[in-house]
Amino acid sequence: MHVLGHVARTANALEGQPERAQLPRLWSHAPELAAAHGPDRLRAVYFDYEGDHEAPYTVLVGVEVPERVEPADAPEGMALVSVPAADCLVFPARGPMPQAVVDAWQEVWDAFPSGTTGRAYSFDVEVYGPQGADLYIAVRPGARPAERAGGG
C-alpha cells in the first residue's frame, strides 16, 4: 500500500496536550484529500516507532495512491510512504468518529500492554470506509492479544 499525505512526528503523551498535538493538524487536511481522491481512500499510517505505544512515532494522514507514484512526485508539504506486507490483527472502529477510532486504539493498547512483545511496531494503518475504520496492527508472527479480564 502506498499512502500520500501530511506527516508529523508525535507521541501519545503529546497528543493529550492541545498546544503540542499534531494529529488535529494532520486530520484538518482530510476533507480536501477525501474530496480529491474519495473518502474510501483515506488512511492513517503509523511508523518509525522508537519503542512501544508510549514512545515517539511518525504518522502520515493521507490517501492510498497507485503504486506508480514516486516519492519525488509528492506535492510540496506532503510525503509518500510505502507500507510493506505484514502479519496484522484487525481492530474495527465503528460508531461516531473520531471517538470510535480512539476506542479501537484503546483496545489495541489493552490487548498489547507496554512491555509485551506481540506488536511489531513497524507499520500500523487505519483504513477508512463507509462502515467506519479498521485498524491493521502489525504483529510478530504467531502473536496473540493479551487475555482480557472476564474471559474476552
Protein backbone atom coordinates (compact mmCIF):
# COMPACT_ATOMS: atom_id res chain seq x y z
CA MET A 1 0.00 0.00 0.00
CA HIS A 2 1.26 3.49 -0.87
CA VAL A 3 -0.12 6.49 1.00
CA LEU A 4 0.35 10.15 0.12
CA GLY A 5 -0.36 12.77 2.75
CA HIS A 6 0.79 15.07 5.51
CA VAL A 7 3.27 13.77 8.06
CA ALA A 8 4.37 14.63 11.60
CA ARG A 9 6.41 13.22 14.45
CA THR A 10 4.49 12.89 17.73
CA ALA A 11 3.85 10.74 20.80
CA ASN A 12 0.64 9.78 22.56
CA ALA A 13 1.57 11.91 25.58
CA LEU A 14 1.90 14.96 23.31
CA GLU A 15 -1.48 14.28 21.71
CA GLY A 16 -3.09 14.84 25.13
CA GLN A 17 -1.74 18.41 25.15
CA PRO A 18 -3.76 20.59 22.72
CA GLU A 19 -0.90 23.07 22.22
CA ARG A 20 1.50 20.26 21.18
CA ALA A 21 -0.87 17.80 19.45
CA GLN A 22 -0.06 17.03 15.81
CA LEU A 23 -2.99 14.77 14.86
CA PRO A 24 -5.65 17.54 14.64
CA ARG A 25 -3.43 19.47 12.21
CA LEU A 26 -2.89 16.37 10.07
CA TRP A 27 -6.59 15.49 10.07
CA SER A 28 -7.51 19.07 9.10
CA HIS A 29 -6.35 18.12 5.57
CA ALA A 30 -8.61 15.04 5.38
CA PRO A 31 -11.68 16.77 3.87
CA GLU A 32 -9.70 18.15 0.92
CA LEU A 33 -7.96 14.80 0.39
CA ALA A 34 -11.28 12.93 0.54
CA ALA A 35 -12.86 15.36 -1.91
CA ALA A 36 -9.98 14.96 -4.36
CA HIS A 37 -9.43 11.20 -4.05
CA GLY A 38 -12.56 9.74 -2.46
CA PRO A 39 -13.34 9.16 1.23
CA ASP A 40 -12.79 5.39 0.94
CA ARG A 41 -9.10 6.01 0.19
CA LEU A 42 -8.39 7.85 3.47
CA ARG A 43 -5.61 6.23 5.50
CA ALA A 44 -3.53 6.99 8.57
CA VAL A 45 -0.14 5.26 8.73
CA TYR A 46 1.86 4.98 11.96
CA PHE A 47 5.53 4.05 11.60
CA ASP A 48 9.11 4.77 12.68
CA TYR A 49 8.28 3.83 16.27
CA GLU A 50 11.04 4.49 18.82
CA GLY A 51 9.65 1.83 21.14
CA ASP A 52 6.18 0.83 22.27
CA HIS A 53 2.99 2.92 22.08
CA GLU A 54 4.28 5.33 24.72
CA ALA A 55 7.36 6.32 22.67
CA PRO A 56 7.52 8.81 19.77
CA TYR A 57 6.40 7.72 16.30
CA THR A 58 5.71 9.21 12.88
CA VAL A 59 2.18 9.44 11.49
CA LEU A 60 1.00 10.22 7.96
CA VAL A 61 -2.63 11.10 7.25
CA GLY A 62 -3.49 10.84 3.58
CA VAL A 63 -4.92 8.76 0.78
CA GLU A 64 -3.94 5.47 -0.81
CA VAL A 65 -2.44 6.08 -4.24
CA PRO A 66 -1.42 3.86 -7.16
CA GLU A 67 1.96 2.13 -6.97
CA ARG A 68 3.29 4.12 -9.91
CA VAL A 69 3.51 7.34 -7.84
CA GLU A 70 7.12 8.15 -6.92
CA PRO A 71 8.14 9.93 -3.70
CA ALA A 72 9.65 12.74 -5.80
CA ASP A 73 6.17 13.30 -7.30
CA ALA A 74 4.65 14.16 -3.90
CA PRO A 75 3.32 17.72 -3.81
CA GLU A 76 5.21 20.20 -1.67
CA GLY A 77 4.42 19.74 2.01
CA MET A 78 3.36 16.13 1.53
CA ALA A 79 5.14 12.78 1.82
CA LEU A 80 4.69 9.33 0.37
CA VAL A 81 5.09 6.19 2.48
CA SER A 82 5.04 2.60 1.24
CA VAL A 83 3.59 0.13 3.73
CA PRO A 84 5.13 -3.34 3.42
CA ALA A 85 3.10 -6.53 3.74
CA ALA A 86 2.97 -7.80 7.33
CA ASP A 87 1.13 -10.09 9.71
CA CYS A 88 -1.68 -7.97 11.16
CA LEU A 89 -4.58 -8.15 13.54
CA VAL A 90 -7.60 -6.05 12.64
CA PHE A 91 -9.42 -3.93 15.21
CA PRO A 92 -12.68 -2.48 13.85
CA ALA A 93 -13.74 1.07 14.74
CA ARG A 94 -17.48 1.52 14.37
CA GLY A 95 -19.69 4.33 15.58
CA PRO A 96 -19.31 8.10 15.75
CA MET A 97 -15.91 9.32 14.59
CA PRO A 98 -13.33 10.14 15.83
CA GLN A 99 -14.30 8.53 19.17
CA ALA A 100 -14.71 5.10 17.54
CA VAL A 101 -11.06 5.21 16.41
CA VAL A 102 -9.91 6.38 19.85
CA ASP A 103 -11.81 3.46 21.41
CA ALA A 104 -10.30 0.99 18.92
CA TRP A 105 -6.79 2.21 19.75
CA GLN A 106 -7.58 1.72 23.45
CA GLU A 107 -8.48 -1.89 22.60
CA VAL A 108 -5.10 -2.28 20.87
CA TRP A 109 -3.24 -0.89 23.89
CA ASP A 110 -5.25 -3.14 26.23
CA ALA A 111 -4.51 -6.16 24.03
CA PHE A 112 -0.77 -5.37 23.85
CA PRO A 113 0.23 -3.58 27.09
CA SER A 114 3.61 -1.87 27.42
CA GLY A 115 6.38 -4.38 27.84
CA THR A 116 4.69 -7.13 25.83
CA THR A 117 6.30 -8.33 22.62
CA GLY A 118 3.36 -9.20 20.35
CA ARG A 119 3.18 -5.96 18.37
CA ALA A 120 5.77 -5.44 15.66
CA TYR A 121 5.80 -1.61 15.95
CA SER A 122 6.70 -1.38 12.28
CA PHE A 123 3.68 -0.03 10.36
CA ASP A 124 0.09 0.26 11.60
CA VAL A 125 -2.66 1.52 9.30
CA GLU A 126 -6.15 2.94 9.77
CA VAL A 127 -8.25 2.17 6.69
CA TYR A 128 -11.43 4.24 6.37
CA GLY A 129 -14.58 3.15 4.56
CA PRO A 130 -18.34 3.60 4.59
CA GLN A 131 -18.80 1.48 7.75
CA GLY A 132 -16.10 3.24 9.78
CA ALA A 133 -12.45 2.30 10.04
CA ASP A 134 -10.33 -0.80 10.52
CA LEU A 135 -7.02 -0.62 12.37
CA TYR A 136 -4.45 -3.01 10.90
CA ILE A 137 -1.92 -3.58 13.67
CA ALA A 138 1.35 -5.23 12.65
CA VAL A 139 2.20 -8.15 14.91
CA ARG A 140 5.07 -10.58 15.26
CA PRO A 141 4.37 -13.97 13.66
CA GLY A 142 2.19 -16.06 15.96
CA ALA A 143 1.39 -13.13 18.27
CA ARG A 144 -1.94 -13.10 20.06
CA PRO A 145 -3.51 -10.30 22.10
CA ALA A 146 -3.31 -10.48 25.89
CA GLU A 147 -6.25 -12.21 27.57
CA ARG A 148 -8.83 -9.73 28.73
CA ALA A 149 -10.44 -9.79 32.13
CA GLY A 150 -13.76 -11.60 32.05
CA GLY A 151 -12.62 -14.24 29.56
CA GLY A 152 -12.89 -11.99 26.47
